[in-house]
PDB file of all heavy atoms in Angstrom:
ATOM      1  N   GLY A   1      64.856 136.206 127.021  1.00  0.00           N
ATOM      2  CA  GLY A   1      64.170 134.954 126.896  1.00  0.00           C
ATOM      3  C   GLY A   1      63.913 134.349 128.215  1.00  0.00           C
ATOM      4  O   GLY A   1      63.560 133.090 128.296  1.00  0.00           O
ATOM      5  N   TYR A   2      64.042 135.060 129.287  1.00  0.00           N
ATOM      6  CA  TYR A   2      63.934 134.654 130.709  1.00  0.00           C
ATOM      7  C   TYR A   2      65.070 133.641 131.050  1.00  0.00           C
ATOM      8  O   TYR A   2      64.894 132.943 132.046  1.00  0.00           O
ATOM      9  CB  TYR A   2      62.485 134.021 130.987  1.00  0.00           C
ATOM     10  CG  TYR A   2      61.430 135.123 130.922  1.00  0.00           C
ATOM     11  CD1 TYR A   2      60.824 135.443 129.758  1.00  0.00           C
ATOM     12  CD2 TYR A   2      60.986 135.780 132.055  1.00  0.00           C
ATOM     13  CE1 TYR A   2      59.819 136.428 129.647  1.00  0.00           C
ATOM     14  CE2 TYR A   2      60.088 136.683 131.998  1.00  0.00           C
ATOM     15  CZ  TYR A   2      59.416 137.067 130.816  1.00  0.00           C
ATOM     16  OH  TYR A   2      58.498 138.053 130.782  1.00  0.00           O
ATOM     17  N   LEU A   3      66.087 133.586 130.273  1.00  0.00           N
ATOM     18  CA  LEU A   3      67.137 132.626 130.578  1.00  0.00           C
ATOM     19  C   LEU A   3      68.483 133.424 130.748  1.00  0.00           C
ATOM     20  O   LEU A   3      68.790 134.211 129.891  1.00  0.00           O
ATOM     21  CB  LEU A   3      67.290 131.662 129.419  1.00  0.00           C
ATOM     22  CG  LEU A   3      66.082 130.815 129.057  1.00  0.00           C
ATOM     23  CD1 LEU A   3      66.316 129.972 127.808  1.00  0.00           C
ATOM     24  CD2 LEU A   3      65.666 129.928 130.227  1.00  0.00           C
ATOM     25  N   PRO A   4      69.227 133.137 131.803  1.00  0.00           N
ATOM     26  CA  PRO A   4      70.510 133.775 131.973  1.00  0.00           C
ATOM     27  C   PRO A   4      71.526 133.262 130.989  1.00  0.00           C
ATOM     28  O   PRO A   4      71.351 132.184 130.348  1.00  0.00           O
ATOM     29  CB  PRO A   4      70.935 133.384 133.438  1.00  0.00           C
ATOM     30  CG  PRO A   4      70.265 132.074 133.594  1.00  0.00           C
ATOM     31  CD  PRO A   4      68.977 132.095 132.833  1.00  0.00           C
ATOM     32  N   HIS A   5      72.606 133.972 130.832  1.00  0.00           N
ATOM     33  CA  HIS A   5      73.627 133.508 129.933  1.00  0.00           C
ATOM     34  C   HIS A   5      74.343 132.249 130.480  1.00  0.00           C
ATOM     35  O   HIS A   5      74.514 132.068 131.703  1.00  0.00           O
ATOM     36  CB  HIS A   5      74.706 134.616 129.743  1.00  0.00           C
ATOM     37  CG  HIS A   5      74.287 135.724 128.873  1.00  0.00           C
ATOM     38  ND1 HIS A   5      73.417 135.609 127.840  1.00  0.00           N
ATOM     39  CD2 HIS A   5      74.536 137.049 129.028  1.00  0.00           C
ATOM     40  CE1 HIS A   5      73.185 136.787 127.302  1.00  0.00           C
ATOM     41  NE2 HIS A   5      73.843 137.712 128.013  1.00  0.00           N
ATOM     42  N   TYR A   6      74.636 131.373 129.473  1.00  0.00           N
ATOM     43  CA  TYR A   6      75.526 130.174 129.737  1.00  0.00           C
ATOM     44  C   TYR A   6      74.874 128.982 130.486  1.00  0.00           C
ATOM     45  O   TYR A   6      75.551 127.945 130.521  1.00  0.00           O
ATOM     46  CB  TYR A   6      76.785 130.603 130.384  1.00  0.00           C
ATOM     47  CG  TYR A   6      77.501 131.852 129.853  1.00  0.00           C
ATOM     48  CD1 TYR A   6      78.275 132.662 130.652  1.00  0.00           C
ATOM     49  CD2 TYR A   6      77.421 132.150 128.492  1.00  0.00           C
ATOM     50  CE1 TYR A   6      78.858 133.785 130.057  1.00  0.00           C
ATOM     51  CE2 TYR A   6      77.965 133.271 127.998  1.00  0.00           C
ATOM     52  CZ  TYR A   6      78.743 134.145 128.799  1.00  0.00           C
ATOM     53  OH  TYR A   6      79.299 135.215 128.254  1.00  0.00           O
ATOM     54  N   THR A   7      73.784 129.087 131.093  1.00  0.00           N
ATOM     55  CA  THR A   7      73.156 127.929 131.664  1.00  0.00           C
ATOM     56  C   THR A   7      72.469 127.180 130.552  1.00  0.00           C
ATOM     57  O   THR A   7      71.909 127.712 129.630  1.00  0.00           O
ATOM     58  CB  THR A   7      72.115 128.285 132.783  1.00  0.00           C
ATOM     59  OG1 THR A   7      71.086 129.090 132.191  1.00  0.00           O
ATOM     60  CG2 THR A   7      72.814 128.977 133.948  1.00  0.00           C
ATOM     61  N   ALA A   8      72.500 125.810 130.668  1.00  0.00           N
ATOM     62  CA  ALA A   8      71.839 124.969 129.699  1.00  0.00           C
ATOM     63  C   ALA A   8      70.906 124.016 130.518  1.00  0.00           C
ATOM     64  O   ALA A   8      71.396 123.128 131.248  1.00  0.00           O
ATOM     65  CB  ALA A   8      72.807 124.110 128.945  1.00  0.00           C
ATOM     66  N   ASP A   9      69.601 124.282 130.440  1.00  0.00           N
ATOM     67  CA  ASP A   9      68.608 123.399 131.214  1.00  0.00           C
ATOM     68  C   ASP A   9      68.559 122.066 130.565  1.00  0.00           C
ATOM     69  O   ASP A   9      68.198 121.931 129.343  1.00  0.00           O
ATOM     70  CB  ASP A   9      67.273 124.116 131.168  1.00  0.00           C
ATOM     71  CG  ASP A   9      67.226 125.440 131.881  1.00  0.00           C
ATOM     72  OD1 ASP A   9      68.201 125.771 132.576  1.00  0.00           O
ATOM     73  OD2 ASP A   9      66.268 126.225 131.686  1.00  0.00           O
ATOM     74  N   ILE A  10      68.777 121.055 131.309  1.00  0.00           N
ATOM     75  CA  ILE A  10      68.716 119.672 130.873  1.00  0.00           C
ATOM     76  C   ILE A  10      67.344 119.058 131.119  1.00  0.00           C
ATOM     77  O   ILE A  10      66.767 118.378 130.385  1.00  0.00           O
ATOM     78  CB  ILE A  10      69.859 118.784 131.465  1.00  0.00           C
ATOM     79  CG1 ILE A  10      71.202 119.450 131.271  1.00  0.00           C
ATOM     80  CG2 ILE A  10      69.836 117.374 130.860  1.00  0.00           C
ATOM     81  CD1 ILE A  10      71.587 119.703 129.752  1.00  0.00           C
ATOM     82  N   SER A  11      66.835 119.376 132.364  1.00  0.00           N
ATOM     83  CA  SER A  11      65.531 118.926 132.710  1.00  0.00           C
ATOM     84  C   SER A  11      64.880 120.087 133.578  1.00  0.00           C
ATOM     85  O   SER A  11      65.647 120.687 134.420  1.00  0.00           O
ATOM     86  CB  SER A  11      65.528 117.609 133.522  1.00  0.00           C
ATOM     87  OG  SER A  11      64.277 117.188 133.901  1.00  0.00           O
ATOM     88  N   GLY A  12      63.619 120.347 133.393  1.00  0.00           N
ATOM     89  CA  GLY A  12      63.022 121.500 134.078  1.00  0.00           C
ATOM     90  C   GLY A  12      63.361 122.834 133.369  1.00  0.00           C
ATOM     91  O   GLY A  12      64.015 122.845 132.271  1.00  0.00           O
ATOM     92  N   VAL A  13      63.043 123.963 133.965  1.00  0.00           N
ATOM     93  CA  VAL A  13      63.292 125.268 133.384  1.00  0.00           C
ATOM     94  C   VAL A  13      63.672 126.176 134.475  1.00  0.00           C
ATOM     95  O   VAL A  13      62.993 126.459 135.431  1.00  0.00           O
ATOM     96  CB  VAL A  13      61.969 125.778 132.729  1.00  0.00           C
ATOM     97  CG1 VAL A  13      62.216 127.145 132.200  1.00  0.00           C
ATOM     98  CG2 VAL A  13      61.540 124.872 131.558  1.00  0.00           C
ATOM     99  N   PHE A  14      64.962 126.731 134.356  1.00  0.00           N
ATOM    100  CA  PHE A  14      65.438 127.714 135.285  1.00  0.00           C
ATOM    101  C   PHE A  14      65.351 129.088 134.720  1.00  0.00           C
ATOM    102  O   PHE A  14      66.135 129.412 133.845  1.00  0.00           O
ATOM    103  CB  PHE A  14      66.910 127.263 135.612  1.00  0.00           C
ATOM    104  CG  PHE A  14      67.016 126.036 136.406  1.00  0.00           C
ATOM    105  CD1 PHE A  14      66.829 124.750 135.723  1.00  0.00           C
ATOM    106  CD2 PHE A  14      67.308 126.024 137.714  1.00  0.00           C
ATOM    107  CE1 PHE A  14      66.913 123.542 136.437  1.00  0.00           C
ATOM    108  CE2 PHE A  14      67.475 124.802 138.459  1.00  0.00           C
ATOM    109  CZ  PHE A  14      67.247 123.600 137.753  1.00  0.00           C
ATOM    110  N   GLU A  15      64.391 129.874 135.185  1.00  0.00           N
ATOM    111  CA  GLU A  15      64.096 131.223 134.598  1.00  0.00           C
ATOM    112  C   GLU A  15      64.548 132.346 135.501  1.00  0.00           C
ATOM    113  O   GLU A  15      64.484 132.269 136.705  1.00  0.00           O
ATOM    114  CB  GLU A  15      62.616 131.274 134.280  1.00  0.00           C
ATOM    115  CG  GLU A  15      62.074 130.333 133.236  1.00  0.00           C
ATOM    116  CD  GLU A  15      60.643 130.616 132.937  1.00  0.00           C
ATOM    117  OE1 GLU A  15      59.976 131.387 133.696  1.00  0.00           O
ATOM    118  OE2 GLU A  15      60.134 130.030 131.933  1.00  0.00           O
ATOM    119  N   LEU A  16      64.822 133.445 134.823  1.00  0.00           N
ATOM    120  CA  LEU A  16      65.060 134.734 135.555  1.00  0.00           C
ATOM    121  C   LEU A  16      63.794 135.159 136.152  1.00  0.00           C
ATOM    122  O   LEU A  16      62.709 135.095 135.494  1.00  0.00           O
ATOM    123  CB  LEU A  16      65.564 135.777 134.555  1.00  0.00           C
ATOM    124  CG  LEU A  16      66.974 135.549 133.951  1.00  0.00           C
ATOM    125  CD1 LEU A  16      67.212 136.440 132.781  1.00  0.00           C
ATOM    126  CD2 LEU A  16      68.096 135.695 135.049  1.00  0.00           C
ATOM    127  N   ALA A  17      63.826 135.585 137.444  1.00  0.00           N
ATOM    128  CA  ALA A  17      62.593 135.957 138.139  1.00  0.00           C
ATOM    129  C   ALA A  17      62.865 136.948 139.281  1.00  0.00           C
ATOM    130  O   ALA A  17      64.027 137.148 139.612  1.00  0.00           O
ATOM    131  CB  ALA A  17      61.958 134.692 138.673  1.00  0.00           C
ATOM    132  N   GLU A  18      61.876 137.451 139.854  1.00  0.00           N
ATOM    133  CA  GLU A  18      61.953 138.260 141.062  1.00  0.00           C
ATOM    134  C   GLU A  18      62.212 137.344 142.286  1.00  0.00           C
ATOM    135  O   GLU A  18      61.590 136.288 142.340  1.00  0.00           O
ATOM    136  CB  GLU A  18      60.761 139.115 141.225  1.00  0.00           C
ATOM    137  CG  GLU A  18      60.619 140.290 140.270  1.00  0.00           C
ATOM    138  CD  GLU A  18      61.697 141.344 140.466  1.00  0.00           C
ATOM    139  OE1 GLU A  18      62.045 141.642 141.597  1.00  0.00           O
ATOM    140  OE2 GLU A  18      62.228 141.799 139.491  1.00  0.00           O
ATOM    141  N   ARG A  19      63.025 137.750 143.145  1.00  0.00           N
ATOM    142  CA  ARG A  19      63.158 136.957 144.395  1.00  0.00           C
ATOM    143  C   ARG A  19      61.802 136.986 145.146  1.00  0.00           C
ATOM    144  O   ARG A  19      61.101 137.970 145.100  1.00  0.00           O
ATOM    145  CB  ARG A  19      64.235 137.596 145.337  1.00  0.00           C
ATOM    146  CG  ARG A  19      65.676 137.303 144.831  1.00  0.00           C
ATOM    147  CD  ARG A  19      66.621 138.147 145.609  1.00  0.00           C
ATOM    148  NE  ARG A  19      66.566 137.922 147.054  1.00  0.00           N
ATOM    149  CZ  ARG A  19      67.466 137.326 147.794  1.00  0.00           C
ATOM    150  NH1 ARG A  19      68.581 136.855 147.234  1.00  0.00           N
ATOM    151  NH2 ARG A  19      67.354 137.185 149.130  1.00  0.00           N
ATOM    152  N   PRO A  20      61.504 135.925 145.870  1.00  0.00           N
ATOM    153  CA  PRO A  20      60.180 135.869 146.566  1.00  0.00           C
ATOM    154  C   PRO A  20      60.139 136.886 147.689  1.00  0.00           C
ATOM    155  O   PRO A  20      59.049 137.285 148.091  1.00  0.00           O
ATOM    156  CB  PRO A  20      60.133 134.428 147.116  1.00  0.00           C
ATOM    157  CG  PRO A  20      61.555 133.858 147.044  1.00  0.00           C
ATOM    158  CD  PRO A  20      62.132 134.604 145.866  1.00  0.00           C
ATOM    159  N   ASP A  21      61.376 137.437 148.168  1.00  0.00           N
ATOM    160  CA  ASP A  21      61.343 138.453 149.173  1.00  0.00           C
ATOM    161  C   ASP A  21      61.391 139.902 148.525  1.00  0.00           C
ATOM    162  O   ASP A  21      61.498 140.876 149.212  1.00  0.00           O
ATOM    163  CB  ASP A  21      62.485 138.271 150.178  1.00  0.00           C
ATOM    164  CG  ASP A  21      63.864 138.261 149.492  1.00  0.00           C
ATOM    165  OD1 ASP A  21      63.903 138.547 148.233  1.00  0.00           O
ATOM    166  OD2 ASP A  21      64.827 137.863 150.104  1.00  0.00           O
ATOM    167  N   HIS A  22      61.299 139.892 147.165  1.00  0.00           N
ATOM    168  CA  HIS A  22      61.277 141.119 146.439  1.00  0.00           C
ATOM    169  C   HIS A  22      62.573 141.962 146.669  1.00  0.00           C
ATOM    170  O   HIS A  22      62.468 143.199 146.599  1.00  0.00           O
ATOM    171  CB  HIS A  22      60.030 141.953 146.785  1.00  0.00           C
ATOM    172  CG  HIS A  22      58.757 141.254 146.566  1.00  0.00           C
ATOM    173  ND1 HIS A  22      58.334 140.862 145.366  1.00  0.00           N
ATOM    174  CD2 HIS A  22      57.915 140.737 147.498  1.00  0.00           C
ATOM    175  CE1 HIS A  22      57.123 140.186 145.493  1.00  0.00           C
ATOM    176  NE2 HIS A  22      56.877 140.115 146.785  1.00  0.00           N
ATOM    177  N   LYS A  23      63.684 141.315 146.896  1.00  0.00           N
ATOM    178  CA  LYS A  23      64.910 142.067 147.128  1.00  0.00           C
ATOM    179  C   LYS A  23      65.899 141.815 145.966  1.00  0.00           C
ATOM    180  O   LYS A  23      67.038 141.619 146.129  1.00  0.00           O
ATOM    181  CB  LYS A  23      65.608 141.547 148.475  1.00  0.00           C
ATOM    182  CG  LYS A  23      64.768 141.893 149.644  1.00  0.00           C
ATOM    183  CD  LYS A  23      65.525 141.467 150.953  1.00  0.00           C
ATOM    184  CE  LYS A  23      64.794 141.781 152.190  1.00  0.00           C
ATOM    185  NZ  LYS A  23      65.440 141.354 153.433  1.00  0.00           N
ATOM    186  N   GLY A  24      65.362 141.898 144.737  1.00  0.00           N
ATOM    187  CA  GLY A  24      66.197 141.742 143.652  1.00  0.00           C
ATOM    188  C   GLY A  24      65.815 140.608 142.710  1.00  0.00           C
ATOM    189  O   GLY A  24      64.668 140.074 142.807  1.00  0.00           O
ATOM    190  N   LYS A  25      66.735 140.156 141.845  1.00  0.00           N
ATOM    191  CA  LYS A  25      66.418 139.099 140.840  1.00  0.00           C
ATOM    192  C   LYS A  25      67.169 137.831 141.302  1.00  0.00           C
ATOM    193  O   LYS A  25      68.097 137.831 142.067  1.00  0.00           O
ATOM    194  CB  LYS A  25      66.834 139.585 139.513  1.00  0.00           C
ATOM    195  CG  LYS A  25      66.052 140.761 139.030  1.00  0.00           C
ATOM    196  CD  LYS A  25      66.429 141.150 137.592  1.00  0.00           C
ATOM    197  CE  LYS A  25      65.646 142.314 137.094  1.00  0.00           C
ATOM    198  NZ  LYS A  25      64.245 142.155 137.116  1.00  0.00           N
ATOM    199  N   CYS A  26      66.638 136.723 140.757  1.00  0.00           N
ATOM    200  CA  CYS A  26      67.246 135.407 140.996  1.00  0.00           C
ATOM    201  C   CYS A  26      66.897 134.450 139.908  1.00  0.00           C
ATOM    202  O   CYS A  26      66.337 134.927 138.826  1.00  0.00           O
ATOM    203  CB  CYS A  26      66.750 134.862 142.319  1.00  0.00           C
ATOM    204  SG  CYS A  26      64.906 134.472 142.318  1.00  0.00           S
ATOM    205  N   LEU A  27      67.187 133.223 140.083  1.00  0.00           N
ATOM    206  CA  LEU A  27      66.886 132.159 139.109  1.00  0.00           C
ATOM    207  C   LEU A  27      65.800 131.279 139.771  1.00  0.00           C
ATOM    208  O   LEU A  27      66.035 130.905 140.905  1.00  0.00           O
ATOM    209  CB  LEU A  27      68.156 131.377 138.751  1.00  0.00           C
ATOM    210  CG  LEU A  27      68.146 130.691 137.365  1.00  0.00           C
ATOM    211  CD1 LEU A  27      67.883 131.664 136.247  1.00  0.00           C
ATOM    212  CD2 LEU A  27      69.524 130.028 137.215  1.00  0.00           C
ATOM    213  N   HIS A  28      64.786 130.958 139.045  1.00  0.00           N
ATOM    214  CA  HIS A  28      63.722 130.154 139.616  1.00  0.00           C
ATOM    215  C   HIS A  28      63.434 128.939 138.769  1.00  0.00           C
ATOM    216  O   HIS A  28      63.200 129.071 137.528  1.00  0.00           O
ATOM    217  CB  HIS A  28      62.418 131.034 139.641  1.00  0.00           C
ATOM    218  CG  HIS A  28      61.193 130.412 140.229  1.00  0.00           C
ATOM    219  ND1 HIS A  28      59.918 130.761 140.048  1.00  0.00           N
ATOM    220  CD2 HIS A  28      61.081 129.275 141.086  1.00  0.00           C
ATOM    221  CE1 HIS A  28      59.053 130.021 140.654  1.00  0.00           C
ATOM    222  NE2 HIS A  28      59.758 129.150 141.359  1.00  0.00           N
ATOM    223  N   GLN A  29      63.553 127.788 139.328  1.00  0.00           N
ATOM    224  CA  GLN A  29      63.171 126.588 138.633  1.00  0.00           C
ATOM    225  C   GLN A  29      61.642 126.440 138.795  1.00  0.00           C
ATOM    226  O   GLN A  29      61.117 126.221 139.916  1.00  0.00           O
ATOM    227  CB  GLN A  29      63.873 125.353 139.229  1.00  0.00           C
ATOM    228  CG  GLN A  29      63.909 124.090 138.330  1.00  0.00           C
ATOM    229  CD  GLN A  29      62.502 123.534 137.998  1.00  0.00           C
ATOM    230  OE1 GLN A  29      62.015 123.621 136.871  1.00  0.00           O
ATOM    231  NE2 GLN A  29      61.842 122.939 139.045  1.00  0.00           N
ATOM    232  N   VAL A  30      60.956 126.544 137.662  1.00  0.00           N
ATOM    233  CA  VAL A  30      59.488 126.800 137.723  1.00  0.00           C
ATOM    234  C   VAL A  30      58.654 125.607 137.533  1.00  0.00           C
ATOM    235  O   VAL A  30      57.421 125.665 137.775  1.00  0.00           O
ATOM    236  CB  VAL A  30      59.054 127.862 136.630  1.00  0.00           C
ATOM    237  CG1 VAL A  30      59.798 129.199 136.971  1.00  0.00           C
ATOM    238  CG2 VAL A  30      59.394 127.396 135.237  1.00  0.00           C
ATOM    239  N   ILE A  31      59.211 124.470 137.102  1.00  0.00           N
ATOM    240  CA  ILE A  31      58.370 123.312 136.806  1.00  0.00           C
ATOM    241  C   ILE A  31      58.187 122.468 138.088  1.00  0.00           C
ATOM    242  O   ILE A  31      59.143 121.738 138.443  1.00  0.00           O
ATOM    243  CB  ILE A  31      58.947 122.454 135.622  1.00  0.00           C
ATOM    244  CG1 ILE A  31      59.300 123.360 134.501  1.00  0.00           C
ATOM    245  CG2 ILE A  31      58.077 121.332 135.246  1.00  0.00           C
ATOM    246  CD1 ILE A  31      58.123 124.083 133.927  1.00  0.00           C
ATOM    247  N   LYS A  32      57.082 122.483 138.658  1.00  0.00           N
ATOM    248  CA  LYS A  32      56.858 121.860 139.945  1.00  0.00           C
ATOM    249  C   LYS A  32      56.793 120.310 139.795  1.00  0.00           C
ATOM    250  O   LYS A  32      57.322 119.608 140.683  1.00  0.00           O
ATOM    251  CB  LYS A  32      55.673 122.354 140.677  1.00  0.00           C
ATOM    252  CG  LYS A  32      55.712 123.839 141.068  1.00  0.00           C
ATOM    253  CD  LYS A  32      54.465 124.252 141.769  1.00  0.00           C
ATOM    254  CE  LYS A  32      54.553 125.713 142.292  1.00  0.00           C
ATOM    255  NZ  LYS A  32      53.382 126.120 143.059  1.00  0.00           N
ATOM    256  N   ALA A  33      56.067 119.862 138.888  1.00  0.00           N
ATOM    257  CA  ALA A  33      55.755 118.439 138.796  1.00  0.00           C
ATOM    258  C   ALA A  33      56.195 117.777 137.556  1.00  0.00           C
ATOM    259  O   ALA A  33      55.575 116.768 137.095  1.00  0.00           O
ATOM    260  CB  ALA A  33      54.242 118.223 139.076  1.00  0.00           C
ATOM    261  N   GLY A  34      57.295 118.189 136.887  1.00  0.00           N
ATOM    262  CA  GLY A  34      57.635 117.605 135.715  1.00  0.00           C
ATOM    263  C   GLY A  34      56.845 117.912 134.504  1.00  0.00           C
ATOM    264  O   GLY A  34      55.935 118.801 134.559  1.00  0.00           O
ATOM    265  N   ALA A  35      57.144 117.282 133.347  1.00  0.00           N
ATOM    266  CA  ALA A  35      56.404 117.484 132.101  1.00  0.00           C
ATOM    267  C   ALA A  35      56.101 116.141 131.555  1.00  0.00           C
ATOM    268  O   ALA A  35      56.576 115.111 132.011  1.00  0.00           O
ATOM    269  CB  ALA A  35      57.257 118.354 131.177  1.00  0.00           C
ATOM    270  N   GLN A  36      55.345 116.148 130.434  1.00  0.00           N
ATOM    271  CA  GLN A  36      55.108 114.955 129.622  1.00  0.00           C
ATOM    272  C   GLN A  36      56.335 114.905 128.624  1.00  0.00           C
ATOM    273  O   GLN A  36      56.267 115.413 127.482  1.00  0.00           O
ATOM    274  CB  GLN A  36      53.806 115.074 128.893  1.00  0.00           C
ATOM    275  CG  GLN A  36      52.583 115.069 129.834  1.00  0.00           C
ATOM    276  CD  GLN A  36      51.264 115.106 129.031  1.00  0.00           C
ATOM    277  OE1 GLN A  36      50.979 114.248 128.194  1.00  0.00           O
ATOM    278  NE2 GLN A  36      50.452 116.080 129.401  1.00  0.00           N
ATOM    279  N   SER A  37      57.444 114.436 129.083  1.00  0.00           N
ATOM    280  CA  SER A  37      58.650 114.481 128.335  1.00  0.00           C
ATOM    281  C   SER A  37      58.678 113.480 127.194  1.00  0.00           C
ATOM    282  O   SER A  37      58.109 112.358 127.342  1.00  0.00           O
ATOM    283  CB  SER A  37      59.831 114.255 129.300  1.00  0.00           C
ATOM    284  OG  SER A  37      60.045 115.370 130.115  1.00  0.00           O
ATOM    285  N   TRP A  38      59.340 113.899 126.127  1.00  0.00           N
ATOM    286  CA  TRP A  38      59.540 112.964 125.037  1.00  0.00           C
ATOM    287  C   TRP A  38      60.463 111.804 125.433  1.00  0.00           C
ATOM    288  O   TRP A  38      60.230 110.611 125.128  1.00  0.00           O
ATOM    289  CB  TRP A  38      60.126 113.669 123.852  1.00  0.00           C
ATOM    290  CG  TRP A  38      60.511 112.885 122.673  1.00  0.00           C
ATOM    291  CD1 TRP A  38      59.751 112.436 121.696  1.00  0.00           C
ATOM    292  CD2 TRP A  38      61.832 112.381 122.395  1.00  0.00           C
ATOM    293  NE1 TRP A  38      60.395 111.694 120.752  1.00  0.00           N
ATOM    294  CE2 TRP A  38      61.736 111.577 121.193  1.00  0.00           C
ATOM    295  CE3 TRP A  38      63.078 112.446 123.047  1.00  0.00           C
ATOM    296  CZ2 TRP A  38      62.868 110.936 120.618  1.00  0.00           C
ATOM    297  CZ3 TRP A  38      64.164 111.808 122.463  1.00  0.00           C
ATOM    298  CH2 TRP A  38      64.012 111.046 121.305  1.00  0.00           C
ATOM    299  N   ALA A  39      61.570 112.200 126.143  1.00  0.00           N
ATOM    300  CA  ALA A  39      62.447 111.148 126.637  1.00  0.00           C
ATOM    301  C   ALA A  39      62.264 110.987 128.162  1.00  0.00           C
ATOM    302  O   ALA A  39      61.670 111.820 128.814  1.00  0.00           O
ATOM    303  CB  ALA A  39      63.899 111.678 126.373  1.00  0.00           C
TER     304      ALA A  39
END
């Protein structure tokens, strides 16, 4: 689900992704400018 085990995103989205230097995998917070949040 693009989500690592045991993390709980409270705001934003922290997804499994390729490192920007292409040297393996990492976690990427992908929401640049927030969302239209309910709360």
